[in-house]
């Protein structure tokens, strides 16, 4: 659950007038294009590409320009998530830009 929390924290899909959510885009999950984390987590940090095409094999996931990106990589952010005050201090300013 920690990974799911980190992957999607604070990113919101809007509803249309019929109550249906907007189409999933690269803007609806966090990425971190840091090589060590990409290798250790089997490209999990390129999560936006998985949302765009769920059937894509993990080793072929791509980075997307403009997708939300974490400054510390997924490993750093996973550790940070266990310290909520620090997590909020780092992540909430990033959300203001989205």
C-alpha atoms as a PDB file:
ATOM      1  CA  UNK A   1       0.000   0.000   0.000  1.00  0.00           C
ATOM      2  CA  UNK A   2       2.918   2.336   0.587  1.00  0.00           C
ATOM      3  CA  UNK A   3       3.887   2.064  -3.071  1.00  0.00           C
ATOM      4  CA  UNK A   4       0.325   2.782  -4.209  1.00  0.00           C
ATOM      5  CA  UNK A   5       0.255   5.809  -1.889  1.00  0.00           C
ATOM      6  CA  UNK A   6       3.523   7.146  -3.310  1.00  0.00           C
ATOM      7  CA  UNK A   7       2.519   6.444  -6.923  1.00  0.00           C
ATOM      8  CA  UNK A   8      -0.683   8.500  -6.791  1.00  0.00           C
ATOM      9  CA  UNK A   9      -0.536  10.868  -3.816  1.00  0.00           C
ATOM     10  CA  UNK A  10      -2.394  14.126  -4.366  1.00  0.00           C
ATOM     11  CA  UNK A  11      -3.076  13.678  -8.089  1.00  0.00           C
ATOM     12  CA  UNK A  12      -6.765  14.028  -8.901  1.00  0.00           C
ATOM     13  CA  UNK A  13      -8.787  13.024 -11.944  1.00  0.00           C
ATOM     14  CA  UNK A  14     -11.663  15.390 -12.602  1.00  0.00           C
ATOM     15  CA  UNK A  15     -15.252  14.230 -13.129  1.00  0.00           C
ATOM     16  CA  UNK A  16     -17.357  15.391 -16.054  1.00  0.00           C
ATOM     17  CA  UNK A  17     -20.968  16.551 -15.757  1.00  0.00           C
ATOM     18  CA  UNK A  18     -22.150  12.904 -15.931  1.00  0.00           C
ATOM     19  CA  UNK A  19     -19.955  11.888 -13.004  1.00  0.00           C
ATOM     20  CA  UNK A  20     -17.439   9.967 -15.122  1.00  0.00           C
ATOM     21  CA  UNK A  21     -13.747  10.468 -14.464  1.00  0.00           C
ATOM     22  CA  UNK A  22     -11.567  12.007 -17.137  1.00  0.00           C
ATOM     23  CA  UNK A  23      -9.376   9.689 -19.190  1.00  0.00           C
ATOM     24  CA  UNK A  24      -6.175   8.555 -17.464  1.00  0.00           C
ATOM     25  CA  UNK A  25      -3.136  10.519 -18.635  1.00  0.00           C
ATOM     26  CA  UNK A  26       0.544  10.730 -17.750  1.00  0.00           C
ATOM     27  CA  UNK A  27      -0.407  13.488 -15.279  1.00  0.00           C
ATOM     28  CA  UNK A  28      -2.222  11.048 -12.962  1.00  0.00           C
ATOM     29  CA  UNK A  29       0.749   9.249 -11.418  1.00  0.00           C
ATOM     30  CA  UNK A  30       4.191  10.193 -10.171  1.00  0.00           C
ATOM     31  CA  UNK A  31       7.415   9.300 -11.944  1.00  0.00           C
ATOM     32  CA  UNK A  32      11.048   9.408 -10.927  1.00  0.00           C
ATOM     33  CA  UNK A  33      13.606   8.937 -13.651  1.00  0.00           C
ATOM     34  CA  UNK A  34      16.516   8.024 -11.374  1.00  0.00           C
ATOM     35  CA  UNK A  35      18.522   5.067 -12.696  1.00  0.00           C
ATOM     36  CA  UNK A  36      19.195   3.255  -9.407  1.00  0.00           C
ATOM     37  CA  UNK A  37      15.520   3.305  -8.425  1.00  0.00           C
ATOM     38  CA  UNK A  38      14.441   2.287 -11.903  1.00  0.00           C
ATOM     39  CA  UNK A  39      16.712  -0.752 -11.782  1.00  0.00           C
ATOM     40  CA  UNK A  40      15.919  -1.749  -8.191  1.00  0.00           C
ATOM     41  CA  UNK A  41      12.156  -1.365  -8.645  1.00  0.00           C
ATOM     42  CA  UNK A  42      11.904  -2.820 -12.167  1.00  0.00           C
ATOM     43  CA  UNK A  43      10.863   0.481 -13.811  1.00  0.00           C
ATOM     44  CA  UNK A  44       8.076   1.044 -11.269  1.00  0.00           C
ATOM     45  CA  UNK A  45       9.097   4.686 -11.204  1.00  0.00           C
ATOM     46  CA  UNK A  46       7.876   5.082 -14.791  1.00  0.00           C
ATOM     47  CA  UNK A  47       4.364   4.527 -13.539  1.00  0.00           C
ATOM     48  CA  UNK A  48       2.635   6.990 -15.871  1.00  0.00           C
ATOM     49  CA  UNK A  49       3.481   4.876 -18.907  1.00  0.00           C
ATOM     50  CA  UNK A  50       1.888   1.869 -17.188  1.00  0.00           C
ATOM     51  CA  UNK A  51      -1.335   3.886 -16.755  1.00  0.00           C
ATOM     52  CA  UNK A  52      -1.356   4.820 -20.420  1.00  0.00           C
ATOM     53  CA  UNK A  53      -0.869   1.226 -21.588  1.00  0.00           C
ATOM     54  CA  UNK A  54      -1.262  -1.337 -18.800  1.00  0.00           C
ATOM     55  CA  UNK A  55      -0.312  -4.286 -21.023  1.00  0.00           C
ATOM     56  CA  UNK A  56       3.167  -2.890 -21.680  1.00  0.00           C
ATOM     57  CA  UNK A  57       6.017  -4.985 -20.240  1.00  0.00           C
ATOM     58  CA  UNK A  58       7.804  -3.332 -17.314  1.00  0.00           C
ATOM     59  CA  UNK A  59      11.196  -3.248 -19.020  1.00  0.00           C
ATOM     60  CA  UNK A  60       9.783  -1.224 -21.910  1.00  0.00           C
ATOM     61  CA  UNK A  61       8.080   1.537 -19.877  1.00  0.00           C
ATOM     62  CA  UNK A  62       9.038   5.043 -21.001  1.00  0.00           C
ATOM     63  CA  UNK A  63       9.382   8.379 -19.259  1.00  0.00           C
ATOM     64  CA  UNK A  64       6.838  11.064 -20.214  1.00  0.00           C
ATOM     65  CA  UNK A  65       7.697  14.742 -20.460  1.00  0.00           C
ATOM     66  CA  UNK A  66       5.460  16.848 -18.264  1.00  0.00           C
ATOM     67  CA  UNK A  67       4.390  13.990 -15.981  1.00  0.00           C
ATOM     68  CA  UNK A  68       4.715  14.752 -12.255  1.00  0.00           C
ATOM     69  CA  UNK A  69       8.171  13.779 -11.049  1.00  0.00           C
ATOM     70  CA  UNK A  70       9.524  13.151  -7.567  1.00  0.00           C
ATOM     71  CA  UNK A  71      12.836  14.771  -6.633  1.00  0.00           C
ATOM     72  CA  UNK A  72      14.239  11.833  -4.615  1.00  0.00           C
ATOM     73  CA  UNK A  73      13.226   8.880  -6.746  1.00  0.00           C
ATOM     74  CA  UNK A  74      10.770   6.219  -5.637  1.00  0.00           C
ATOM     75  CA  UNK A  75      13.096   4.664  -3.077  1.00  0.00           C
ATOM     76  CA  UNK A  76      13.700   7.986  -1.370  1.00  0.00           C
ATOM     77  CA  UNK A  77      10.026   8.855  -1.490  1.00  0.00           C
ATOM     78  CA  UNK A  78       9.017   5.454  -0.090  1.00  0.00           C
ATOM     79  CA  UNK A  79      11.269   6.073   2.919  1.00  0.00           C
ATOM     80  CA  UNK A  80      10.010   9.642   3.243  1.00  0.00           C
ATOM     81  CA  UNK A  81       6.384   8.456   3.307  1.00  0.00           C
ATOM     82  CA  UNK A  82       7.009   6.899   6.733  1.00  0.00           C
ATOM     83  CA  UNK A  83       7.631  10.375   8.152  1.00  0.00           C
ATOM     84  CA  UNK A  84       4.403  12.277   7.337  1.00  0.00           C
ATOM     85  CA  UNK A  85       5.504  15.792   8.386  1.00  0.00           C
ATOM     86  CA  UNK A  86       8.585  15.566   6.169  1.00  0.00           C
ATOM     87  CA  UNK A  87       6.573  13.924   3.369  1.00  0.00           C
ATOM     88  CA  UNK A  88       4.051  16.785   3.366  1.00  0.00           C
ATOM     89  CA  UNK A  89       6.840  19.379   3.506  1.00  0.00           C
ATOM     90  CA  UNK A  90       8.468  17.906   0.376  1.00  0.00           C
ATOM     91  CA  UNK A  91       5.402  16.865  -1.656  1.00  0.00           C
ATOM     92  CA  UNK A  92       2.827  19.592  -1.068  1.00  0.00           C
ATOM     93  CA  UNK A  93       4.885  22.292  -2.825  1.00  0.00           C
ATOM     94  CA  UNK A  94       5.135  19.944  -5.829  1.00  0.00           C
ATOM     95  CA  UNK A  95       1.344  19.635  -5.939  1.00  0.00           C
ATOM     96  CA  UNK A  96       0.912  23.408  -6.200  1.00  0.00           C
ATOM     97  CA  UNK A  97       2.576  23.214  -9.610  1.00  0.00           C
ATOM     98  CA  UNK A  98       0.090  20.596 -10.921  1.00  0.00           C
END
